């Protein structure tokens, strides 16, 4: 895992609509960058809908949520539409960005062992530095935990 205080690695990836999204597009905002193994699987759906349900609260804190997986853009588009997700899902098809964020490795899935994005999250600050790093998160609880941490960070800044 990358550590708080490190500069978040730059990236540009296609979103669910094939449009390029760059980390630098969100300079001046906090970015909740969550990596997840595969769209439309139980844990990933739980985590994504948790971020969806808390999305307005994240936006109230000037935070942008971005999900990253190895899924192709068409799978991400279907996942986003099916679950009414209000944030971008990014396709890191070859795992390059996940590797830069120490969030790529071997995982056991129903269809066997594969190299895939791991369930980690980073909060990138407005200055581009990592503020928080979460490893192997619980998809059920993580969106609420990340939001609580963000609230404490922003309250401390006031």
C-alpha atoms as a PDB file:
ATOM      1  CA  UNK A   1       0.000   0.000   0.000  1.00  0.00           C
ATOM      2  CA  UNK A   2       1.032   3.560  -0.603  1.00  0.00           C
ATOM      3  CA  UNK A   3       1.309   5.662   2.525  1.00  0.00           C
ATOM      4  CA  UNK A   4      -0.435   8.865   3.529  1.00  0.00           C
ATOM      5  CA  UNK A   5       1.730  11.825   2.565  1.00  0.00           C
ATOM      6  CA  UNK A   6       2.915  10.236  -0.686  1.00  0.00           C
ATOM      7  CA  UNK A   7       1.952  11.841  -3.974  1.00  0.00           C
ATOM      8  CA  UNK A   8      -0.845   9.865  -5.608  1.00  0.00           C
ATOM      9  CA  UNK A   9       0.297   8.386  -8.926  1.00  0.00           C
ATOM     10  CA  UNK A  10      -1.158  10.223 -11.917  1.00  0.00           C
ATOM     11  CA  UNK A  11      -3.463   8.256 -14.178  1.00  0.00           C
ATOM     12  CA  UNK A  12      -5.869   8.507 -17.054  1.00  0.00           C
ATOM     13  CA  UNK A  13      -8.410   5.787 -17.671  1.00  0.00           C
ATOM     14  CA  UNK A  14     -11.599   5.402 -19.694  1.00  0.00           C
ATOM     15  CA  UNK A  15     -14.836   5.595 -17.751  1.00  0.00           C
ATOM     16  CA  UNK A  16     -17.951   3.526 -18.406  1.00  0.00           C
ATOM     17  CA  UNK A  17     -18.747   5.708 -21.437  1.00  0.00           C
ATOM     18  CA  UNK A  18     -15.242   5.525 -22.911  1.00  0.00           C
ATOM     19  CA  UNK A  19     -14.416   9.106 -21.872  1.00  0.00           C
ATOM     20  CA  UNK A  20     -10.959   9.731 -20.418  1.00  0.00           C
ATOM     21  CA  UNK A  21     -10.814  10.580 -16.721  1.00  0.00           C
ATOM     22  CA  UNK A  22      -7.587  11.846 -15.171  1.00  0.00           C
ATOM     23  CA  UNK A  23      -6.742  12.203 -11.509  1.00  0.00           C
ATOM     24  CA  UNK A  24      -5.587  15.731 -12.366  1.00  0.00           C
ATOM     25  CA  UNK A  25      -9.157  16.551 -13.501  1.00  0.00           C
ATOM     26  CA  UNK A  26     -10.036  16.619  -9.807  1.00  0.00           C
ATOM     27  CA  UNK A  27      -7.162  18.730  -8.478  1.00  0.00           C
ATOM     28  CA  UNK A  28      -8.548  20.874  -5.671  1.00  0.00           C
ATOM     29  CA  UNK A  29     -11.078  18.209  -4.634  1.00  0.00           C
ATOM     30  CA  UNK A  30     -10.719  15.113  -2.533  1.00  0.00           C
ATOM     31  CA  UNK A  31     -10.936  11.880  -4.500  1.00  0.00           C
ATOM     32  CA  UNK A  32     -12.110   8.622  -2.966  1.00  0.00           C
ATOM     33  CA  UNK A  33     -10.406   6.162  -5.306  1.00  0.00           C
ATOM     34  CA  UNK A  34     -11.672   2.679  -4.612  1.00  0.00           C
ATOM     35  CA  UNK A  35     -10.376  -0.430  -6.344  1.00  0.00           C
ATOM     36  CA  UNK A  36     -12.631  -3.462  -6.597  1.00  0.00           C
ATOM     37  CA  UNK A  37     -12.242  -6.897  -8.216  1.00  0.00           C
ATOM     38  CA  UNK A  38     -15.198  -7.291 -10.555  1.00  0.00           C
ATOM     39  CA  UNK A  39     -18.454  -5.549 -11.430  1.00  0.00           C
ATOM     40  CA  UNK A  40     -21.726  -7.291 -10.630  1.00  0.00           C
ATOM     41  CA  UNK A  41     -20.295  -9.631  -8.035  1.00  0.00           C
ATOM     42  CA  UNK A  42     -21.793  -9.689  -4.556  1.00  0.00           C
ATOM     43  CA  UNK A  43     -19.079  -7.826  -2.625  1.00  0.00           C
ATOM     44  CA  UNK A  44     -18.432  -5.311  -5.382  1.00  0.00           C
ATOM     45  CA  UNK A  45     -22.120  -4.544  -5.756  1.00  0.00           C
ATOM     46  CA  UNK A  46     -22.454  -4.103  -1.991  1.00  0.00           C
ATOM     47  CA  UNK A  47     -19.531  -1.683  -1.919  1.00  0.00           C
ATOM     48  CA  UNK A  48     -20.656   0.272  -5.000  1.00  0.00           C
ATOM     49  CA  UNK A  49     -24.219   0.682  -3.754  1.00  0.00           C
ATOM     50  CA  UNK A  50     -22.857   1.753  -0.365  1.00  0.00           C
ATOM     51  CA  UNK A  51     -20.920   4.543  -2.073  1.00  0.00           C
ATOM     52  CA  UNK A  52     -24.057   5.341  -4.082  1.00  0.00           C
ATOM     53  CA  UNK A  53     -26.175   5.611  -0.952  1.00  0.00           C
ATOM     54  CA  UNK A  54     -23.650   7.996   0.652  1.00  0.00           C
ATOM     55  CA  UNK A  55     -22.832   9.891  -2.557  1.00  0.00           C
ATOM     56  CA  UNK A  56     -24.580  13.140  -1.595  1.00  0.00           C
ATOM     57  CA  UNK A  57     -22.699  13.196   1.713  1.00  0.00           C
ATOM     58  CA  UNK A  58     -19.368  12.712  -0.091  1.00  0.00           C
ATOM     59  CA  UNK A  59     -20.230  15.553  -2.480  1.00  0.00           C
ATOM     60  CA  UNK A  60     -21.183  17.780   0.464  1.00  0.00           C
ATOM     61  CA  UNK A  61     -17.580  17.301   1.613  1.00  0.00           C
ATOM     62  CA  UNK A  62     -16.267  18.207  -1.883  1.00  0.00           C
ATOM     63  CA  UNK A  63     -15.190  14.619  -2.450  1.00  0.00           C
ATOM     64  CA  UNK A  64     -15.441  12.759  -5.742  1.00  0.00           C
ATOM     65  CA  UNK A  65     -15.887   8.975  -5.740  1.00  0.00           C
ATOM     66  CA  UNK A  66     -14.189   6.965  -8.506  1.00  0.00           C
ATOM     67  CA  UNK A  67     -14.342   3.171  -8.763  1.00  0.00           C
ATOM     68  CA  UNK A  68     -11.572   1.268 -10.579  1.00  0.00           C
ATOM     69  CA  UNK A  69     -11.591  -2.335 -11.783  1.00  0.00           C
ATOM     70  CA  UNK A  70     -10.195  -4.430 -14.618  1.00  0.00           C
ATOM     71  CA  UNK A  71     -13.614  -4.728 -16.236  1.00  0.00           C
ATOM     72  CA  UNK A  72     -14.153  -3.521 -19.818  1.00  0.00           C
ATOM     73  CA  UNK A  73     -16.048  -0.258 -20.249  1.00  0.00           C
ATOM     74  CA  UNK A  74     -19.207  -1.968 -21.519  1.00  0.00           C
ATOM     75  CA  UNK A  75     -19.424  -4.080 -18.329  1.00  0.00           C
ATOM     76  CA  UNK A  76     -18.905  -0.946 -16.244  1.00  0.00           C
ATOM     77  CA  UNK A  77     -21.642   0.896 -18.136  1.00  0.00           C
ATOM     78  CA  UNK A  78     -24.103  -1.952 -17.510  1.00  0.00           C
ATOM     79  CA  UNK A  79     -23.090  -2.156 -13.821  1.00  0.00           C
ATOM     80  CA  UNK A  80     -23.483   1.598 -13.370  1.00  0.00           C
ATOM     81  CA  UNK A  81     -26.890   1.650 -15.062  1.00  0.00           C
ATOM     82  CA  UNK A  82     -28.225  -1.431 -13.281  1.00  0.00           C
ATOM     83  CA  UNK A  83     -27.381  -0.030  -9.841  1.00  0.00           C
ATOM     84  CA  UNK A  84     -27.966   3.664 -10.598  1.00  0.00           C
ATOM     85  CA  UNK A  85     -24.428   4.625  -9.597  1.00  0.00           C
ATOM     86  CA  UNK A  86     -23.915   8.418  -9.720  1.00  0.00           C
ATOM     87  CA  UNK A  87     -20.107   8.290 -10.029  1.00  0.00           C
ATOM     88  CA  UNK A  88     -17.640   7.203 -12.691  1.00  0.00           C
ATOM     89  CA  UNK A  89     -16.351   3.654 -12.936  1.00  0.00           C
ATOM     90  CA  UNK A  90     -12.933   3.430 -14.569  1.00  0.00           C
ATOM     91  CA  UNK A  91     -11.578   0.575 -16.662  1.00  0.00           C
ATOM     92  CA  UNK A  92      -8.004  -0.399 -15.804  1.00  0.00           C
ATOM     93  CA  UNK A  93      -8.058  -3.338 -18.193  1.00  0.00           C
ATOM     94  CA  UNK A  94      -4.396  -4.306 -17.850  1.00  0.00           C
ATOM     95  CA  UNK A  95      -4.092  -3.435 -14.161  1.00  0.00           C
ATOM     96  CA  UNK A  96      -1.390  -0.809 -14.699  1.00  0.00           C
ATOM     97  CA  UNK A  97      -2.982   1.823 -12.469  1.00  0.00           C
ATOM     98  CA  UNK A  98      -3.925  -0.723  -9.797  1.00  0.00           C
ATOM     99  CA  UNK A  99      -0.274  -1.858  -9.766  1.00  0.00           C
ATOM    100  CA  UNK A 100       0.916   1.739  -9.262  1.00  0.00           C
ATOM    101  CA  UNK A 101      -1.414   1.946  -6.275  1.00  0.00           C
ATOM    102  CA  UNK A 102      -0.272  -1.427  -4.865  1.00  0.00           C
ATOM    103  CA  UNK A 103      -3.799  -2.684  -5.454  1.00  0.00           C
ATOM    104  CA  UNK A 104      -3.270  -5.477  -7.962  1.00  0.00           C
ATOM    105  CA  UNK A 105      -2.651  -9.100  -7.148  1.00  0.00           C
ATOM    106  CA  UNK A 106      -3.884 -12.644  -7.073  1.00  0.00           C
ATOM    107  CA  UNK A 107      -7.435 -13.250  -5.936  1.00  0.00           C
ATOM    108  CA  UNK A 108      -9.605 -16.330  -5.582  1.00  0.00           C
ATOM    109  CA  UNK A 109     -12.833 -15.949  -7.531  1.00  0.00           C
ATOM    110  CA  UNK A 110     -15.624 -18.388  -8.292  1.00  0.00           C
ATOM    111  CA  UNK A 111     -14.051 -19.125 -11.645  1.00  0.00           C
ATOM    112  CA  UNK A 112     -10.538 -19.675 -10.237  1.00  0.00           C
ATOM    113  CA  UNK A 113      -7.443 -17.715  -9.327  1.00  0.00           C
ATOM    114  CA  UNK A 114      -6.711 -14.599 -11.335  1.00  0.00           C
ATOM    115  CA  UNK A 115      -4.709 -11.383 -11.308  1.00  0.00           C
ATOM    116  CA  UNK A 116      -7.151  -8.616 -10.516  1.00  0.00           C
ATOM    117  CA  UNK A 117      -7.689  -5.305  -8.738  1.00  0.00           C
ATOM    118  CA  UNK A 118      -7.710  -5.780  -4.971  1.00  0.00           C
ATOM    119  CA  UNK A 119     -10.297  -4.223  -2.667  1.00  0.00           C
ATOM    120  CA  UNK A 120      -8.294  -1.195  -1.498  1.00  0.00           C
ATOM    121  CA  UNK A 121      -9.180   2.488  -1.274  1.00  0.00           C
ATOM    122  CA  UNK A 122      -7.241   5.730  -1.194  1.00  0.00           C
ATOM    123  CA  UNK A 123      -8.420   9.198  -0.295  1.00  0.00           C
ATOM    124  CA  UNK A 124      -6.411  11.660  -2.365  1.00  0.00           C
ATOM    125  CA  UNK A 125      -6.349  15.180  -0.980  1.00  0.00           C
ATOM    126  CA  UNK A 126      -6.952  18.398  -2.908  1.00  0.00           C
ATOM    127  CA  UNK A 127      -3.166  18.781  -3.226  1.00  0.00           C
ATOM    128  CA  UNK A 128      -2.747  15.354  -4.864  1.00  0.00           C
ATOM    129  CA  UNK A 129      -1.271  13.664  -1.793  1.00  0.00           C
ATOM    130  CA  UNK A 130      -2.673  10.499  -0.287  1.00  0.00           C
ATOM    131  CA  UNK A 131      -4.525  11.312   2.927  1.00  0.00           C
ATOM    132  CA  UNK A 132      -5.860   7.864   3.801  1.00  0.00           C
ATOM    133  CA  UNK A 133      -5.180   4.313   2.650  1.00  0.00           C
ATOM    134  CA  UNK A 134      -7.479   1.359   3.314  1.00  0.00           C
ATOM    135  CA  UNK A 135      -6.385  -2.209   2.588  1.00  0.00           C
ATOM    136  CA  UNK A 136      -8.613  -5.262   2.065  1.00  0.00           C
ATOM    137  CA  UNK A 137     -11.740  -3.421   3.128  1.00  0.00           C
ATOM    138  CA  UNK A 138     -15.074  -4.873   4.190  1.00  0.00           C
ATOM    139  CA  UNK A 139     -17.374  -3.952   1.285  1.00  0.00           C
ATOM    140  CA  UNK A 140     -20.411  -3.715   3.569  1.00  0.00           C
ATOM    141  CA  UNK A 141     -18.951  -1.249   6.056  1.00  0.00           C
ATOM    142  CA  UNK A 142     -16.270   0.551   4.056  1.00  0.00           C
ATOM    143  CA  UNK A 143     -18.278   3.359   2.402  1.00  0.00           C
ATOM    144  CA  UNK A 144     -19.597   4.467   5.810  1.00  0.00           C
ATOM    145  CA  UNK A 145     -16.131   4.204   7.388  1.00  0.00           C
ATOM    146  CA  UNK A 146     -14.542   6.248   4.597  1.00  0.00           C
ATOM    147  CA  UNK A 147     -17.253   8.886   4.936  1.00  0.00           C
ATOM    148  CA  UNK A 148     -16.767   9.095   8.718  1.00  0.00           C
ATOM    149  CA  UNK A 149     -13.006   9.542   8.235  1.00  0.00           C
ATOM    150  CA  UNK A 150     -13.597  12.235   5.628  1.00  0.00           C
ATOM    151  CA  UNK A 151     -15.937  14.068   7.971  1.00  0.00           C
ATOM    152  CA  UNK A 152     -13.296  14.062  10.706  1.00  0.00           C
ATOM    153  CA  UNK A 153     -10.612  15.330   8.303  1.00  0.00           C
ATOM    154  CA  UNK A 154     -12.763  18.170   7.002  1.00  0.00           C
ATOM    155  CA  UNK A 155     -13.951  19.077  10.525  1.00  0.00           C
ATOM    156  CA  UNK A 156     -10.318  19.333  11.645  1.00  0.00           C
ATOM    157  CA  UNK A 157      -9.643  21.747   8.763  1.00  0.00           C
ATOM    158  CA  UNK A 158     -12.413  24.131   9.822  1.00  0.00           C
END
